[in-house]
C-alpha atoms as a PDB file:
ATOM      1  CA  MET A   1     -49.874 -48.376-225.919  1.00  0.00           C
ATOM      2  CA  PRO A   2     -51.526 -50.686-228.417  1.00  0.00           C
ATOM      3  CA  GLN A   3     -52.709 -49.191-231.603  1.00  0.00           C
ATOM      4  CA  GLY A   4     -56.433 -48.335-231.263  1.00  0.00           C
ATOM      5  CA  SER A   5     -56.180 -48.222-227.341  1.00  0.00           C
ATOM      6  CA  SER A   6     -58.325 -45.096-225.876  1.00  0.00           C
ATOM      7  CA  GLN A   7     -57.505 -45.410-222.430  1.00  0.00           C
ATOM      8  CA  PRO A   8     -54.002 -44.137-221.102  1.00  0.00           C
ATOM      9  CA  ARG A   9     -52.165 -46.313-218.819  1.00  0.00           C
ATOM     10  CA  PRO A  10     -52.968 -45.185-215.131  1.00  0.00           C
ATOM     11  CA  ALA A  11     -50.256 -43.166-213.539  1.00  0.00           C
ATOM     12  CA  HIS A  12     -48.191 -44.828-210.886  1.00  0.00           C
ATOM     13  CA  ARG A  13     -49.762 -43.883-207.649  1.00  0.00           C
ATOM     14  CA  VAL A  14     -47.245 -42.262-204.985  1.00  0.00           C
ATOM     15  CA  VAL A  15     -48.837 -41.936-201.427  1.00  0.00           C
ATOM     16  CA  LEU A  16     -46.933 -40.082-198.782  1.00  0.00           C
ATOM     17  CA  VAL A  17     -48.005 -40.868-195.092  1.00  0.00           C
ATOM     18  CA  VAL A  18     -47.747 -37.810-192.812  1.00  0.00           C
ATOM     19  CA  ASP A  19     -47.524 -38.559-189.077  1.00  0.00           C
ATOM     20  CA  GLU A  20     -47.611 -36.292-185.817  1.00  0.00           C
ATOM     21  CA  ASN A  21     -44.240 -34.135-185.862  1.00  0.00           C
ATOM     22  CA  SER A  22     -43.455 -35.201-189.495  1.00  0.00           C
ATOM     23  CA  ASN A  23     -40.726 -32.679-190.994  1.00  0.00           C
ATOM     24  CA  PRO A  24     -42.531 -30.107-193.370  1.00  0.00           C
ATOM     25  CA  PHE A  25     -39.054 -30.377-195.658  1.00  0.00           C
ATOM     26  CA  GLU A  26     -39.444 -33.962-196.932  1.00  0.00           C
ATOM     27  CA  MET A  27     -43.058 -33.633-197.513  1.00  0.00           C
ATOM     28  CA  SER A  28     -42.277 -30.694-199.913  1.00  0.00           C
ATOM     29  CA  CYS A  29     -39.914 -32.837-201.575  1.00  0.00           C
ATOM     30  CA  ALA A  30     -42.037 -35.295-202.169  1.00  0.00           C
ATOM     31  CA  ILE A  31     -44.708 -33.106-203.476  1.00  0.00           C
ATOM     32  CA  GLU A  32     -41.979 -31.254-205.600  1.00  0.00           C
ATOM     33  CA  VAL A  33     -40.842 -34.638-207.245  1.00  0.00           C
ATOM     34  CA  PHE A  34     -43.905 -36.704-207.522  1.00  0.00           C
ATOM     35  CA  GLY A  35     -46.785 -34.329-207.247  1.00  0.00           C
ATOM     36  CA  LEU A  36     -46.706 -31.556-209.432  1.00  0.00           C
ATOM     37  CA  PRO A  37     -48.186 -31.613-213.147  1.00  0.00           C
ATOM     38  CA  ARG A  38     -45.518 -31.640-215.722  1.00  0.00           C
ATOM     39  CA  PRO A  39     -47.236 -30.231-218.773  1.00  0.00           C
ATOM     40  CA  GLU A  40     -43.763 -29.649-220.541  1.00  0.00           C
ATOM     41  CA  LEU A  41     -43.498 -33.403-220.714  1.00  0.00           C
ATOM     42  CA  GLY A  42     -46.843 -33.956-222.376  1.00  0.00           C
ATOM     43  CA  ARG A  43     -47.884 -36.464-219.585  1.00  0.00           C
ATOM     44  CA  GLU A  44     -48.540 -37.379-216.078  1.00  0.00           C
ATOM     45  CA  LEU A  45     -45.809 -39.068-214.476  1.00  0.00           C
ATOM     46  CA  TYR A  46     -47.580 -39.913-211.041  1.00  0.00           C
ATOM     47  CA  ASP A  47     -50.716 -39.811-209.220  1.00  0.00           C
ATOM     48  CA  PHE A  48     -49.712 -38.302-205.825  1.00  0.00           C
ATOM     49  CA  ARG A  49     -51.691 -37.844-202.833  1.00  0.00           C
ATOM     50  CA  LEU A  50     -51.172 -37.149-199.119  1.00  0.00           C
ATOM     51  CA  CYS A  51     -52.953 -39.283-196.230  1.00  0.00           C
ATOM     52  CA  ALA A  52     -52.788 -39.155-192.661  1.00  0.00           C
ATOM     53  CA  ALA A  53     -54.080 -41.205-189.670  1.00  0.00           C
ATOM     54  CA  ALA A  54     -55.891 -38.321-188.166  1.00  0.00           C
ATOM     55  CA  PRO A  55     -58.038 -35.414-189.478  1.00  0.00           C
ATOM     56  CA  ARG A  56     -55.583 -32.785-188.003  1.00  0.00           C
ATOM     57  CA  THR A  57     -51.744 -33.655-188.107  1.00  0.00           C
ATOM     58  CA  ARG A  58     -49.426 -31.251-186.059  1.00  0.00           C
ATOM     59  CA  MET A  59     -46.333 -31.010-188.041  1.00  0.00           C
ATOM     60  CA  ARG A  60     -42.716 -30.679-186.690  1.00  0.00           C
ATOM     61  CA  ASP A  61     -42.450 -28.155-183.764  1.00  0.00           C
ATOM     62  CA  GLY A  62     -45.962 -27.041-184.224  1.00  0.00           C
ATOM     63  CA  PHE A  63     -45.109 -24.858-187.238  1.00  0.00           C
ATOM     64  CA  PHE A  64     -48.550 -25.639-188.788  1.00  0.00           C
ATOM     65  CA  THR A  65     -51.238 -28.419-188.700  1.00  0.00           C
ATOM     66  CA  LEU A  66     -51.996 -30.199-191.738  1.00  0.00           C
ATOM     67  CA  THR A  67     -55.769 -30.762-192.582  1.00  0.00           C
ATOM     68  CA  ASP A  68     -57.929 -31.911-195.358  1.00  0.00           C
ATOM     69  CA  VAL A  69     -55.872 -34.774-196.674  1.00  0.00           C
ATOM     70  CA  ALA A  70     -56.788 -38.321-197.404  1.00  0.00           C
ATOM     71  CA  GLU A  71     -57.384 -40.759-194.716  1.00  0.00           C
ATOM     72  CA  LEU A  72     -54.850 -43.248-193.943  1.00  0.00           C
ATOM     73  CA  ASP A  73     -56.507 -46.219-196.035  1.00  0.00           C
ATOM     74  CA  ALA A  74     -55.296 -44.324-198.979  1.00  0.00           C
ATOM     75  CA  ALA A  75     -52.002 -46.374-198.210  1.00  0.00           C
ATOM     76  CA  ASP A  76     -53.701 -49.198-199.400  1.00  0.00           C
ATOM     77  CA  GLU A  77     -53.806 -47.907-203.020  1.00  0.00           C
ATOM     78  CA  ALA A  78     -50.315 -46.900-203.098  1.00  0.00           C
ATOM     79  CA  ASP A  79     -47.997 -48.271-205.697  1.00  0.00           C
ATOM     80  CA  THR A  80     -45.223 -46.511-203.979  1.00  0.00           C
ATOM     81  CA  LEU A  81     -45.527 -45.745-200.406  1.00  0.00           C
ATOM     82  CA  ILE A  82     -43.482 -42.957-198.683  1.00  0.00           C
ATOM     83  CA  VAL A  83     -43.302 -43.630-194.965  1.00  0.00           C
ATOM     84  CA  PRO A  84     -43.303 -40.756-192.065  1.00  0.00           C
ATOM     85  CA  ASN A  85     -40.308 -39.527-190.813  1.00  0.00           C
ATOM     86  CA  ARG A  86     -39.745 -36.948-187.927  1.00  0.00           C
ATOM     87  CA  PRO A  87     -36.820 -35.886-185.606  1.00  0.00           C
ATOM     88  CA  ASP A  88     -38.289 -37.343-182.366  1.00  0.00           C
ATOM     89  CA  THR A  89     -36.635 -41.024-183.201  1.00  0.00           C
ATOM     90  CA  ASP A  90     -37.196 -42.041-179.802  1.00  0.00           C
ATOM     91  CA  THR A  91     -41.099 -41.896-179.801  1.00  0.00           C
ATOM     92  CA  PRO A  92     -42.554 -45.152-181.217  1.00  0.00           C
ATOM     93  CA  ARG A  93     -44.682 -44.605-184.497  1.00  0.00           C
ATOM     94  CA  SER A  94     -48.532 -45.007-184.085  1.00  0.00           C
ATOM     95  CA  PRO A  95     -49.576 -48.516-184.459  1.00  0.00           C
ATOM     96  CA  GLU A  96     -52.042 -47.963-187.371  1.00  0.00           C
ATOM     97  CA  VAL A  97     -49.320 -46.120-189.385  1.00  0.00           C
ATOM     98  CA  LEU A  98     -47.199 -49.428-188.893  1.00  0.00           C
ATOM     99  CA  ARG A  99     -49.941 -51.401-190.254  1.00  0.00           C
ATOM    100  CA  ALA A 100     -50.647 -49.666-193.058  1.00  0.00           C
ATOM    101  CA  VAL A 101     -46.734 -49.730-193.989  1.00  0.00           C
ATOM    102  CA  ARG A 102     -46.648 -53.639-193.338  1.00  0.00           C
ATOM    103  CA  ARG A 103     -49.577 -54.009-195.514  1.00  0.00           C
ATOM    104  CA  ALA A 104     -48.265 -51.954-198.304  1.00  0.00           C
ATOM    105  CA  HIS A 105     -45.220 -54.136-198.193  1.00  0.00           C
ATOM    106  CA  ALA A 106     -47.221 -57.499-198.176  1.00  0.00           C
ATOM    107  CA  ARG A 107     -48.978 -56.732-201.329  1.00  0.00           C
ATOM    108  CA  GLY A 108     -45.667 -55.621-203.143  1.00  0.00           C
ATOM    109  CA  ALA A 109     -45.747 -51.519-203.118  1.00  0.00           C
ATOM    110  CA  ARG A 110     -42.272 -50.058-203.100  1.00  0.00           C
ATOM    111  CA  LEU A 111     -41.726 -48.402-199.810  1.00  0.00           C
ATOM    112  CA  ILE A 112     -39.514 -45.181-199.463  1.00  0.00           C
ATOM    113  CA  GLY A 113     -38.080 -43.754-196.374  1.00  0.00           C
ATOM    114  CA  PHE A 114     -36.562 -40.176-196.066  1.00  0.00           C
ATOM    115  CA  CYS A 115     -34.439 -39.131-193.410  1.00  0.00           C
ATOM    116  CA  SER A 116     -35.409 -40.625-190.248  1.00  0.00           C
ATOM    117  CA  GLY A 117     -38.052 -42.599-192.172  1.00  0.00           C
ATOM    118  CA  ALA A 118     -35.647 -45.514-191.876  1.00  0.00           C
ATOM    119  CA  PHE A 119     -36.767 -45.578-188.229  1.00  0.00           C
ATOM    120  CA  THR A 120     -40.372 -46.286-189.390  1.00  0.00           C
ATOM    121  CA  LEU A 121     -39.287 -49.107-191.706  1.00  0.00           C
ATOM    122  CA  ALA A 122     -37.249 -50.541-189.159  1.00  0.00           C
ATOM    123  CA  GLU A 123     -40.065 -50.215-186.619  1.00  0.00           C
ATOM    124  CA  ALA A 124     -42.336 -52.004-188.990  1.00  0.00           C
ATOM    125  CA  GLY A 125     -39.794 -54.858-189.095  1.00  0.00           C
ATOM    126  CA  LEU A 126     -39.296 -54.675-192.876  1.00  0.00           C
ATOM    127  CA  LEU A 127     -35.658 -53.847-192.977  1.00  0.00           C
ATOM    128  CA  ASP A 128     -34.021 -56.694-190.896  1.00  0.00           C
ATOM    129  CA  GLY A 129     -31.042 -58.156-193.043  1.00  0.00           C
ATOM    130  CA  ARG A 130     -31.642 -55.411-195.447  1.00  0.00           C
ATOM    131  CA  ARG A 131     -29.633 -52.446-196.553  1.00  0.00           C
ATOM    132  CA  ALA A 132     -30.664 -48.969-195.434  1.00  0.00           C
ATOM    133  CA  ALA A 133     -29.325 -45.191-195.138  1.00  0.00           C
ATOM    134  CA  CYS A 134     -30.339 -42.701-192.543  1.00  0.00           C
ATOM    135  CA  HIS A 135     -28.867 -39.311-191.115  1.00  0.00           C
ATOM    136  CA  TRP A 136     -25.370 -39.555-189.645  1.00  0.00           C
ATOM    137  CA  MET A 137     -26.729 -37.952-186.449  1.00  0.00           C
ATOM    138  CA  TRP A 138     -28.695 -40.643-185.895  1.00  0.00           C
ATOM    139  CA  ALA A 139     -26.592 -43.766-187.106  1.00  0.00           C
ATOM    140  CA  GLU A 140     -25.662 -44.559-183.467  1.00  0.00           C
ATOM    141  CA  ALA A 141     -28.905 -44.670-181.945  1.00  0.00           C
ATOM    142  CA  PHE A 142     -30.241 -46.700-185.190  1.00  0.00           C
ATOM    143  CA  ARG A 143     -27.675 -49.404-184.903  1.00  0.00           C
ATOM    144  CA  ALA A 144     -28.326 -49.788-181.113  1.00  0.00           C
ATOM    145  CA  ARG A 145     -31.916 -49.929-181.611  1.00  0.00           C
ATOM    146  CA  PHE A 146     -31.912 -52.038-185.026  1.00  0.00           C
ATOM    147  CA  PRO A 147     -28.745 -53.983-185.134  1.00  0.00           C
ATOM    148  CA  GLN A 148     -30.315 -56.541-187.808  1.00  0.00           C
ATOM    149  CA  VAL A 149     -30.345 -53.921-190.115  1.00  0.00           C
ATOM    150  CA  ARG A 150     -27.158 -53.287-192.576  1.00  0.00           C
ATOM    151  CA  LEU A 151     -26.978 -49.733-191.870  1.00  0.00           C
ATOM    152  CA  GLU A 152     -24.967 -47.782-194.589  1.00  0.00           C
ATOM    153  CA  PRO A 153     -24.445 -44.068-192.554  1.00  0.00           C
ATOM    154  CA  ASP A 154     -22.007 -42.347-194.972  1.00  0.00           C
ATOM    155  CA  VAL A 155     -24.024 -42.655-198.267  1.00  0.00           C
ATOM    156  CA  LEU A 156     -26.790 -40.496-199.855  1.00  0.00           C
ATOM    157  CA  PHE A 157     -29.363 -43.141-200.288  1.00  0.00           C
ATOM    158  CA  VAL A 158     -29.859 -46.900-200.436  1.00  0.00           C
ATOM    159  CA  ASP A 159     -31.716 -48.595-203.176  1.00  0.00           C
ATOM    160  CA  ASP A 160     -32.581 -51.912-202.066  1.00  0.00           C
ATOM    161  CA  GLY A 161     -34.949 -53.062-204.856  1.00  0.00           C
ATOM    162  CA  ASP A 162     -38.276 -52.747-203.291  1.00  0.00           C
ATOM    163  CA  ILE A 163     -37.352 -50.404-200.014  1.00  0.00           C
ATOM    164  CA  LEU A 164     -35.282 -47.295-200.578  1.00  0.00           C
ATOM    165  CA  THR A 165     -34.028 -44.848-197.969  1.00  0.00           C
ATOM    166  CA  ALA A 166     -32.630 -41.606-198.129  1.00  0.00           C
ATOM    167  CA  SER A 167     -29.888 -40.177-195.612  1.00  0.00           C
ATOM    168  CA  GLY A 168     -31.155 -36.608-194.702  1.00  0.00           C
ATOM    169  CA  SER A 169     -33.479 -33.765-195.746  1.00  0.00           C
ATOM    170  CA  ALA A 170     -31.513 -32.711-199.034  1.00  0.00           C
ATOM    171  CA  SER A 171     -30.824 -36.395-200.155  1.00  0.00           C
ATOM    172  CA  ALA A 172     -34.820 -36.873-200.556  1.00  0.00           C
ATOM    173  CA  LEU A 173     -34.340 -35.089-203.632  1.00  0.00           C
ATOM    174  CA  ASP A 174     -31.441 -36.971-204.914  1.00  0.00           C
ATOM    175  CA  LEU A 175     -33.406 -40.306-203.972  1.00  0.00           C
ATOM    176  CA  GLY A 176     -36.525 -38.685-205.589  1.00  0.00           C
ATOM    177  CA  LEU A 177     -34.713 -38.189-208.878  1.00  0.00           C
ATOM    178  CA  HIS A 178     -33.353 -41.434-208.623  1.00  0.00           C
ATOM    179  CA  VAL A 179     -36.718 -43.049-208.529  1.00  0.00           C
ATOM    180  CA  VAL A 180     -38.120 -40.844-211.372  1.00  0.00           C
ATOM    181  CA  ARG A 181     -35.059 -42.059-213.379  1.00  0.00           C
ATOM    182  CA  ARG A 182     -35.728 -45.871-212.280  1.00  0.00           C
ATOM    183  CA  ASP A 183     -39.083 -45.171-213.246  1.00  0.00           C
ATOM    184  CA  HIS A 184     -38.827 -43.135-216.575  1.00  0.00           C
ATOM    185  CA  GLY A 185     -35.239 -42.938-217.740  1.00  0.00           C
ATOM    186  CA  ALA A 186     -32.642 -40.467-217.816  1.00  0.00           C
ATOM    187  CA  GLU A 187     -34.253 -37.973-220.046  1.00  0.00           C
ATOM    188  CA  ILE A 188     -37.163 -37.639-217.972  1.00  0.00           C
ATOM    189  CA  ALA A 189     -35.214 -37.404-214.669  1.00  0.00           C
ATOM    190  CA  ASN A 190     -33.048 -34.668-216.256  1.00  0.00           C
ATOM    191  CA  ALA A 191     -36.184 -32.571-217.179  1.00  0.00           C
ATOM    192  CA  VAL A 192     -37.529 -32.922-213.513  1.00  0.00           C
ATOM    193  CA  SER A 193     -34.340 -31.858-212.384  1.00  0.00           C
ATOM    194  CA  ARG A 194     -34.233 -28.754-214.381  1.00  0.00           C
ATOM    195  CA  ARG A 195     -37.398 -27.772-213.127  1.00  0.00           C
ATOM    196  CA  LEU A 196     -36.135 -28.112-209.707  1.00  0.00           C
ATOM    197  CA  VAL A 197     -32.966 -26.288-210.516  1.00  0.00           C
ATOM    198  CA  PHE A 198     -31.291 -29.237-208.879  1.00  0.00           C
ATOM    199  CA  ALA A 199     -28.304 -31.570-209.613  1.00  0.00           C
ATOM    200  CA  ALA A 200     -29.591 -34.447-211.990  1.00  0.00           C
ATOM    201  CA  HIS A 201     -27.533 -36.865-210.461  1.00  0.00           C
ATOM    202  CA  ARG A 202     -25.563 -37.705-207.441  1.00  0.00           C
ATOM    203  CA  ASP A 203     -24.972 -41.365-207.121  1.00  0.00           C
ATOM    204  CA  GLY A 204     -26.403 -42.959-203.803  1.00  0.00           C
ATOM    205  CA  GLY A 205     -23.082 -44.335-202.960  1.00  0.00           C
ATOM    206  CA  GLN A 206     -21.518 -40.676-202.617  1.00  0.00           C
ATOM    207  CA  ARG A 207     -21.006 -39.812-199.038  1.00  0.00           C
ATOM    208  CA  GLN A 208     -22.587 -37.638-196.533  1.00  0.00           C
ATOM    209  CA  PHE A 209     -20.766 -34.621-195.587  1.00  0.00           C
ATOM    210  CA  VAL A 210     -20.666 -34.113-191.834  1.00  0.00           C
ATOM    211  CA  GLU A 211     -18.449 -30.959-192.080  1.00  0.00           C
ATOM    212  CA  ARG A 212     -18.606 -29.884-195.559  1.00  0.00           C
ATOM    213  CA  PRO A 213     -17.750 -26.183-195.665  1.00  0.00           C
ATOM    214  CA  VAL A 214     -19.556 -23.693-197.995  1.00  0.00           C
ATOM    215  CA  PRO A 215     -17.361 -22.379-200.569  1.00  0.00           C
ATOM    216  CA  THR A 216     -16.722 -18.746-199.982  1.00  0.00           C
ATOM    217  CA  VAL A 217     -14.861 -17.557-203.259  1.00  0.00           C
ATOM    218  CA  PRO A 218     -17.323 -17.074-205.899  1.00  0.00           C
ATOM    219  CA  ASP A 219     -14.893 -17.577-208.865  1.00  0.00           C
ATOM    220  CA  GLU A 220     -14.067 -20.996-207.637  1.00  0.00           C
ATOM    221  CA  SER A 221     -17.688 -22.228-208.646  1.00  0.00           C
ATOM    222  CA  LEU A 222     -17.172 -25.195-211.181  1.00  0.00           C
ATOM    223  CA  ALA A 223     -20.063 -24.625-213.115  1.00  0.00           C
ATOM    224  CA  PRO A 224     -18.138 -23.028-216.220  1.00  0.00           C
ATOM    225  CA  LEU A 225     -15.933 -25.982-216.076  1.00  0.00           C
ATOM    226  CA  LEU A 226     -18.880 -28.429-216.063  1.00  0.00           C
ATOM    227  CA  ALA A 227     -20.797 -26.772-218.663  1.00  0.00           C
ATOM    228  CA  TRP A 228     -17.761 -26.869-221.011  1.00  0.00           C
ATOM    229  CA  ALA A 229     -17.236 -30.482-220.237  1.00  0.00           C
ATOM    230  CA  GLN A 230     -20.564 -31.756-220.744  1.00  0.00           C
ATOM    231  CA  GLU A 231     -20.534 -30.068-224.329  1.00  0.00           C
ATOM    232  CA  ARG A 232     -17.277 -32.232-224.997  1.00  0.00           C
ATOM    233  CA  LEU A 233     -18.151 -35.764-223.286  1.00  0.00           C
ATOM    234  CA  ASP A 234     -17.354 -37.696-226.805  1.00  0.00           C
ATOM    235  CA  GLU A 235     -13.513 -36.298-226.598  1.00  0.00           C
ATOM    236  CA  PRO A 236     -10.664 -37.773-224.843  1.00  0.00           C
ATOM    237  CA  LEU A 237     -11.116 -35.660-221.563  1.00  0.00           C
ATOM    238  CA  THR A 238      -9.100 -36.165-218.364  1.00  0.00           C
ATOM    239  CA  VAL A 239      -8.635 -35.182-215.162  1.00  0.00           C
ATOM    240  CA  ALA A 240      -5.424 -33.205-215.910  1.00  0.00           C
ATOM    241  CA  GLY A 241      -6.943 -31.725-218.812  1.00  0.00           C
ATOM    242  CA  LEU A 242     -10.015 -30.517-216.627  1.00  0.00           C
ATOM    243  CA  ALA A 243      -7.512 -28.876-214.149  1.00  0.00           C
ATOM    244  CA  ALA A 244      -5.787 -27.284-217.376  1.00  0.00           C
ATOM    245  CA  ARG A 245      -8.803 -26.026-218.400  1.00  0.00           C
ATOM    246  CA  ALA A 246      -9.622 -24.651-214.920  1.00  0.00           C
ATOM    247  CA  ALA A 247      -6.039 -23.329-214.687  1.00  0.00           C
ATOM    248  CA  VAL A 248      -5.547 -25.040-211.330  1.00  0.00           C
ATOM    249  CA  SER A 249      -3.428 -28.348-210.227  1.00  0.00           C
ATOM    250  CA  PRO A 250      -5.192 -31.651-210.481  1.00  0.00           C
ATOM    251  CA  ALA A 251      -5.109 -31.705-206.699  1.00  0.00           C
ATOM    252  CA  THR A 252      -6.980 -28.483-206.134  1.00  0.00           C
ATOM    253  CA  LEU A 253      -9.545 -29.664-208.624  1.00  0.00           C
ATOM    254  CA  HIS A 254      -9.982 -32.589-206.679  1.00  0.00           C
ATOM    255  CA  ARG A 255     -10.586 -30.495-203.924  1.00  0.00           C
ATOM    256  CA  ARG A 256     -13.007 -28.140-205.220  1.00  0.00           C
ATOM    257  CA  PHE A 257     -15.202 -31.304-206.666  1.00  0.00           C
ATOM    258  CA  ARG A 258     -15.276 -32.917-203.420  1.00  0.00           C
ATOM    259  CA  SER A 259     -16.226 -29.627-201.557  1.00  0.00           C
ATOM    260  CA  GLN A 260     -18.878 -28.399-204.129  1.00  0.00           C
ATOM    261  CA  LEU A 261     -20.045 -31.765-205.637  1.00  0.00           C
ATOM    262  CA  GLY A 262     -18.866 -34.572-203.172  1.00  0.00           C
ATOM    263  CA  THR A 263     -17.340 -36.778-205.766  1.00  0.00           C
ATOM    264  CA  THR A 264     -14.176 -36.817-207.744  1.00  0.00           C
ATOM    265  CA  PRO A 265     -13.592 -35.261-211.229  1.00  0.00           C
ATOM    266  CA  LEU A 266     -13.312 -38.852-212.774  1.00  0.00           C
ATOM    267  CA  ALA A 267     -16.409 -40.387-211.056  1.00  0.00           C
ATOM    268  CA  TRP A 268     -18.297 -37.115-212.205  1.00  0.00           C
ATOM    269  CA  LEU A 269     -17.121 -37.398-215.601  1.00  0.00           C
ATOM    270  CA  THR A 270     -17.998 -41.074-215.963  1.00  0.00           C
ATOM    271  CA  GLY A 271     -21.443 -40.451-214.660  1.00  0.00           C
ATOM    272  CA  GLU A 272     -22.130 -37.644-216.933  1.00  0.00           C
ATOM    273  CA  ARG A 273     -21.093 -39.889-220.005  1.00  0.00           C
ATOM    274  CA  VAL A 274     -23.447 -42.828-218.494  1.00  0.00           C
ATOM    275  CA  ALA A 275     -26.199 -40.356-218.446  1.00  0.00           C
ATOM    276  CA  LEU A 276     -25.679 -39.138-222.039  1.00  0.00           C
ATOM    277  CA  ALA A 277     -25.595 -42.640-223.119  1.00  0.00           C
ATOM    278  CA  CYS A 278     -28.925 -43.414-221.482  1.00  0.00           C
ATOM    279  CA  ARG A 279     -30.384 -39.965-223.352  1.00  0.00           C
ATOM    280  CA  LEU A 280     -28.992 -41.406-226.590  1.00  0.00           C
ATOM    281  CA  ILE A 281     -30.777 -44.789-225.957  1.00  0.00           C
ATOM    282  CA  GLU A 282     -33.849 -43.317-224.997  1.00  0.00           C
ATOM    283  CA  ARG A 283     -33.763 -41.015-228.217  1.00  0.00           C
ATOM    284  CA  GLY A 284     -33.602 -44.270-230.202  1.00  0.00           C
ATOM    285  CA  GLU A 285     -30.032 -44.629-231.314  1.00  0.00           C
ATOM    286  CA  GLU A 286     -29.778 -48.467-231.566  1.00  0.00           C
ATOM    287  CA  ARG A 287     -26.004 -48.806-232.843  1.00  0.00           C
ATOM    288  CA  LEU A 288     -24.240 -49.560-229.374  1.00  0.00           C
ATOM    289  CA  ASP A 289     -20.772 -48.582-230.844  1.00  0.00           C
ATOM    290  CA  VAL A 290     -22.233 -45.320-231.822  1.00  0.00           C
ATOM    291  CA  VAL A 291     -23.612 -44.620-228.253  1.00  0.00           C
ATOM    292  CA  ALA A 292     -20.319 -45.556-226.854  1.00  0.00           C
ATOM    293  CA  ALA A 293     -18.345 -43.360-229.061  1.00  0.00           C
ATOM    294  CA  ARG A 294     -20.694 -40.350-228.720  1.00  0.00           C
ATOM    295  CA  SER A 295     -21.077 -40.572-224.861  1.00  0.00           C
ATOM    296  CA  GLY A 296     -17.306 -40.839-224.461  1.00  0.00           C
ATOM    297  CA  LEU A 297     -17.333 -44.402-222.897  1.00  0.00           C
ATOM    298  CA  GLY A 298     -14.942 -45.790-225.527  1.00  0.00           C
ATOM    299  CA  THR A 299     -16.253 -49.291-226.600  1.00  0.00           C
ATOM    300  CA  ALA A 300     -19.488 -51.285-226.569  1.00  0.00           C
ATOM    301  CA  ALA A 301     -17.841 -53.685-223.556  1.00  0.00           C
ATOM    302  CA  ASN A 302     -17.209 -50.727-221.410  1.00  0.00           C
ATOM    303  CA  LEU A 303     -20.664 -49.086-222.162  1.00  0.00           C
ATOM    304  CA  ARG A 304     -22.396 -52.347-221.264  1.00  0.00           C
ATOM    305  CA  ALA A 305     -20.658 -52.627-218.039  1.00  0.00           C
ATOM    306  CA  ARG A 306     -21.292 -49.021-217.014  1.00  0.00           C
ATOM    307  CA  LEU A 307     -24.792 -48.965-217.809  1.00  0.00           C
ATOM    308  CA  ARG A 308     -25.410 -52.064-215.723  1.00  0.00           C
ATOM    309  CA  ARG A 309     -23.750 -50.896-212.961  1.00  0.00           C
ATOM    310  CA  ASP A 310     -25.469 -47.781-213.023  1.00  0.00           C
ATOM    311  CA  THR A 311     -29.016 -48.826-213.966  1.00  0.00           C
ATOM    312  CA  GLY A 312     -28.914 -52.782-213.253  1.00  0.00           C
ATOM    313  CA  LEU A 313     -29.860 -53.144-216.955  1.00  0.00           C
ATOM    314  CA  SER A 314     -28.146 -54.324-220.030  1.00  0.00           C
ATOM    315  CA  PRO A 315     -28.364 -51.645-223.352  1.00  0.00           C
ATOM    316  CA  SER A 316     -31.132 -53.923-224.666  1.00  0.00           C
ATOM    317  CA  ALA A 317     -33.245 -54.145-221.534  1.00  0.00           C
ATOM    318  CA  TYR A 318     -32.837 -50.279-220.942  1.00  0.00           C
ATOM    319  CA  ARG A 319     -33.920 -49.492-224.570  1.00  0.00           C
ATOM    320  CA  ARG A 320     -36.776 -51.929-224.158  1.00  0.00           C
ATOM    321  CA  ARG A 321     -37.724 -49.935-221.018  1.00  0.00           C
ATOM    322  CA  PHE A 322     -37.168 -46.398-221.694  1.00  0.00           C
ATOM    323  CA  GLY A 323     -36.597 -46.257-225.563  1.00  0.00           C
ATOM    324  CA  PRO A 324     -39.141 -45.002-228.208  1.00  0.00           C
ATOM    325  CA  ALA A 325     -42.033 -47.152-227.986  1.00  0.00           C
ATOM    326  CA  THR A 326     -42.112 -48.592-231.716  1.00  0.00           C
ATOM    327  CA  GLY A 327     -39.903 -51.291-232.808  1.00  0.00           C
ATOM    328  CA  GLU A 328     -37.967 -54.290-230.526  1.00  0.00           C
ATOM    329  CA  ALA A 329     -34.487 -53.813-232.284  1.00  0.00           C
ATOM    330  CA  LEU A 330     -31.805 -55.072-229.940  1.00  0.00           C
ATOM    331  CA  PHE A 331     -28.273 -53.717-229.803  1.00  0.00           C
ATOM    332  CA  VAL A 332     -25.571 -55.491-231.703  1.00  0.00           C
END
């Protein structure tokens, strides 16, 4: 903010549209990520509100009825609009809700669909020729109804720029934290994830787990190993070294990572190193070689490539967006 300014920047407004038979879980995910105050951060991240087309909205299976939320025209003030989702995907969305979604898109608002919310976006005609995610249970039905959409049915979420879609209920949290990371940087997203007691980062390209078994042996938890590795990211960690630390074979370690985290040890390690590099940049470290060394990414060239792959930004662009407010130094 310029010196002398007395008015804080208005918070980004996120509006969630609730429709007849909407799922309560995804609504709660949106409230948790975007709607709660964050006094520990010292600033408001989002201005969040719910809206609905009717004064009384019956939620999924009649669990409860939602009342006393804003009218649907609140959607016209959204910077980010979260569209309705519900389990009865064969029932068309109400025309007034679809019109509100189209208006939001036409004026440049960002659109988000959780789980079956992809059906709402597709019904509104906004996904033709674009990438999208939806729950694996509805992939076949979705393809049949919307053949022009480039459905990616196995991933957790898809970020297609101004339209983002999450595959299922829990991945609403993954996508929500991804949006926070995109808007406010890795440091803030990590703080929000700690508040949620939820994994800070599962990449959108990770697969949905149709038949993932729940681990039954408590001492096989990866938590101690992950904590140990996170304290040593600047060291030359390898998959073989992680396996030795866990006293298992590399093959067993791969199986545990797949079953518990849905990724490989190497992919997890790289993701943690990129996240650390982002935090170092946000805290003001300007020397790219130092960031690369402290995060374990090795060289400045590798850091540039990894950061651009994961965030879409160069290190200099990332610092301008998420780094300290003072100074405009570029990386060298």
